[in-house]
Protein backbone atom coordinates (compact mmCIF):
# COMPACT_ATOMS: atom_id res chain seq x y z
CA MET A 1 15.89 21.74 85.21
CA LYS A 2 19.05 21.91 83.11
CA ALA A 3 20.95 18.79 82.02
CA ILE A 4 24.67 18.19 82.66
CA CYS A 5 25.24 19.55 79.10
CA GLY A 6 23.21 22.77 79.85
CA ALA A 7 20.37 21.73 77.66
CA GLU A 8 16.87 21.99 78.90
CA CYS A 9 15.94 18.43 77.88
CA CYS A 10 13.99 17.69 81.12
CA SER A 11 11.56 20.46 80.92
CA GLN A 12 10.73 19.76 77.26
CA CYS A 13 10.57 15.84 77.44
CA GLY A 14 7.31 13.87 77.60
CA ARG A 15 9.22 10.75 78.68
CA ARG A 16 10.81 12.36 81.73
CA GLU A 17 9.59 9.92 84.24
CA GLU A 18 10.68 6.86 82.15
CA CYS A 19 14.03 8.55 81.61
CA GLY A 20 14.77 9.70 85.32
CA GLY A 21 16.25 13.13 84.24
CA CYS A 22 19.85 13.86 83.57
CA GLN A 23 20.73 15.34 87.04
CA LYS A 24 18.93 12.73 88.91
CA THR A 25 20.55 9.81 87.07
CA ASP A 26 23.93 11.60 86.75
CA GLY A 27 23.86 11.55 82.87
CA HIS A 28 22.48 8.01 82.56
CA PRO A 29 19.03 8.64 81.14
CA PHE A 30 16.74 5.60 80.41
CA GLY A 31 19.29 3.49 82.24
CA GLY A 32 21.86 3.96 79.51
CA SER A 33 24.52 6.56 78.69
CA CYS A 34 24.29 10.00 77.24
CA ILE A 35 27.25 10.97 74.88
CA ALA A 36 26.96 14.66 76.05
CA ALA A 37 26.92 13.99 79.73
CA GLU A 38 29.74 11.27 79.69
CA TYR A 39 31.96 13.54 77.47
CA ILE A 40 31.39 16.56 79.50
CA LYS A 41 31.93 14.82 82.78
CA ARG A 42 35.08 13.32 81.58
CA GLU A 43 36.60 16.04 79.39
CA GLY A 44 34.60 19.29 79.80
CA THR A 45 32.19 21.18 77.83
CA ASP A 46 34.61 22.63 75.26
CA ALA A 47 35.86 19.21 74.52
CA PHE A 48 32.20 18.09 73.90
CA LEU A 49 31.78 20.97 71.57
CA GLU A 50 34.89 20.13 69.70
CA LEU A 51 33.59 16.57 69.31
CA LYS A 52 30.37 17.82 67.67
CA LYS A 53 32.38 20.04 65.22
CA ASN A 54 34.59 17.12 64.36
CA LEU A 55 31.50 14.76 63.88
CA VAL A 56 29.92 17.37 61.54
CA ARG A 57 33.22 17.57 59.58
CA GLU A 58 33.46 13.65 59.43
CA PHE A 59 29.90 13.31 58.16
CA ASN A 60 30.42 15.96 55.53
CA ALA A 61 33.85 14.44 54.49
CA LEU A 62 32.02 11.17 53.53
CA GLY A 63 31.18 12.58 50.16
CA ILE A 64 27.63 11.27 50.02
CA PRO A 65 25.58 13.04 47.56
CA GLY A 66 23.04 15.54 49.20
CA LEU A 67 24.34 15.02 52.51
CA HIS A 68 25.29 18.38 54.08
CA VAL A 69 25.52 18.41 57.93
CA GLU A 70 25.32 21.75 59.88
CA ASP A 71 24.37 20.57 63.41
CA LEU A 72 23.71 17.57 65.55
CA ASN A 73 21.24 17.05 68.36
CA LEU A 74 20.80 14.68 71.26
CA LEU A 75 18.71 11.74 70.16
CA ILE A 76 17.59 8.76 72.25
CA GLY A 77 18.43 5.42 70.56
CA SER A 78 14.94 3.97 70.66
CA PHE A 79 13.77 6.93 68.49
CA VAL A 80 16.42 6.42 65.72
CA ASN A 81 17.29 2.75 66.10
CA LEU A 82 15.71 1.28 62.88
CA GLU A 83 15.72 -2.21 61.68
CA TYR A 84 17.83 -2.56 58.51
CA PRO A 85 17.24 -5.39 56.18
CA LEU A 86 20.19 -7.46 55.24
CA SER A 87 20.72 -9.21 51.88
CA ASN A 88 20.13 -12.52 53.48
CA GLY A 89 16.75 -11.59 54.60
CA GLN A 90 17.46 -10.93 58.24
CA THR A 91 17.26 -7.56 59.92
CA VAL A 92 19.74 -5.88 62.19
CA LYS A 93 19.62 -2.82 64.54
CA LEU A 94 23.01 -1.07 64.98
CA LEU A 95 22.30 1.03 68.04
CA GLU A 96 21.37 0.89 71.65
CA ASP A 97 17.83 1.82 72.56
CA ASN A 98 18.68 3.30 75.98
CA LYS A 99 21.77 5.29 74.75
CA VAL A 100 21.51 8.94 73.80
CA TYR A 101 23.44 9.81 70.53
CA LEU A 102 24.22 12.90 68.44
CA GLY A 103 22.43 12.97 65.18
CA ASN A 104 19.99 14.57 62.76
CA GLN A 105 17.64 14.15 59.91
CA ILE A 106 18.60 15.75 56.45
CA GLU A 107 16.11 15.76 53.55
CA ILE A 108 17.69 14.56 50.40
CA PRO A 109 17.10 17.11 47.58
CA GLY A 110 14.80 15.95 44.99
CA SER A 111 13.77 12.64 46.86
CA GLU A 112 11.21 11.38 48.95
CA ARG A 113 13.78 10.01 51.29
CA CYS A 114 15.73 11.44 54.15
CA TYR A 115 19.18 10.78 55.52
CA GLY A 116 19.26 9.80 59.20
CA ILE A 117 22.77 10.29 60.74
CA VAL A 118 23.75 9.10 64.19
CA ALA A 119 27.10 9.00 65.98
CA ASP A 120 28.80 8.53 69.21
CA ASP A 121 32.54 8.83 69.96
CA ARG A 122 33.11 5.59 68.19
CA TYR A 123 30.92 5.11 65.24
CA LEU A 124 29.29 6.93 62.35
CA LEU A 125 25.92 5.84 60.84
CA VAL A 126 24.36 7.28 57.85
CA CYS A 127 21.04 5.70 56.60
CA ASP A 128 18.31 6.80 54.34
CA TYR A 129 14.51 6.11 54.69
CA LYS A 130 11.13 7.07 53.69
CA CYS A 131 8.60 9.14 55.73
CA ALA A 132 8.39 7.95 59.51
CA GLY A 133 11.58 5.78 59.05
CA THR A 134 9.97 3.26 56.65
CA GLU A 135 12.07 1.33 54.23
CA PRO A 136 15.53 2.15 55.89
CA ARG A 137 18.81 1.35 54.18
CA ILE A 138 22.25 1.53 55.47
CA VAL A 139 24.33 3.91 53.53
CA CYS A 140 27.46 4.02 55.67
CA TYR A 141 28.49 2.59 58.90
CA LYS A 142 32.10 3.17 59.94
CA LYS A 143 34.28 3.19 62.97
CA ARG A 144 35.49 6.68 63.65
CA GLN A 145 39.21 7.83 63.30
CA LYS A 146 40.27 8.89 66.79
CA ASP A 147 41.00 12.54 67.21
């Protein structure tokens, strides 16, 4: 079964029962929202593809050493919503677990760490972490410039 965005998410997903499926939930998997479904329903497929291109451009324009983004994938928030330690000893999560974002993981050349990048139509997040998301650090979290 194809999703609203045309991806074959449902047929490949081991969490389909929990999710509810894109078509069945009208683009609200896991009870949240999906950036692809919402954008496509509101502005069309071409506008969504343009959003992806703009996000890639924005990530690359950050000038973060070793960060070069070529593509973004749909990622459920609960998978990428890490707890970041703050200087006051508290921790914070910056994403919503039930929302689907655009993002990717990029290996940092010559390092045991990876960049994790996540975006929606409002914010860009770049973090780095060790294997399996351990020892995460916020590199950049900023509000997007509207297109």
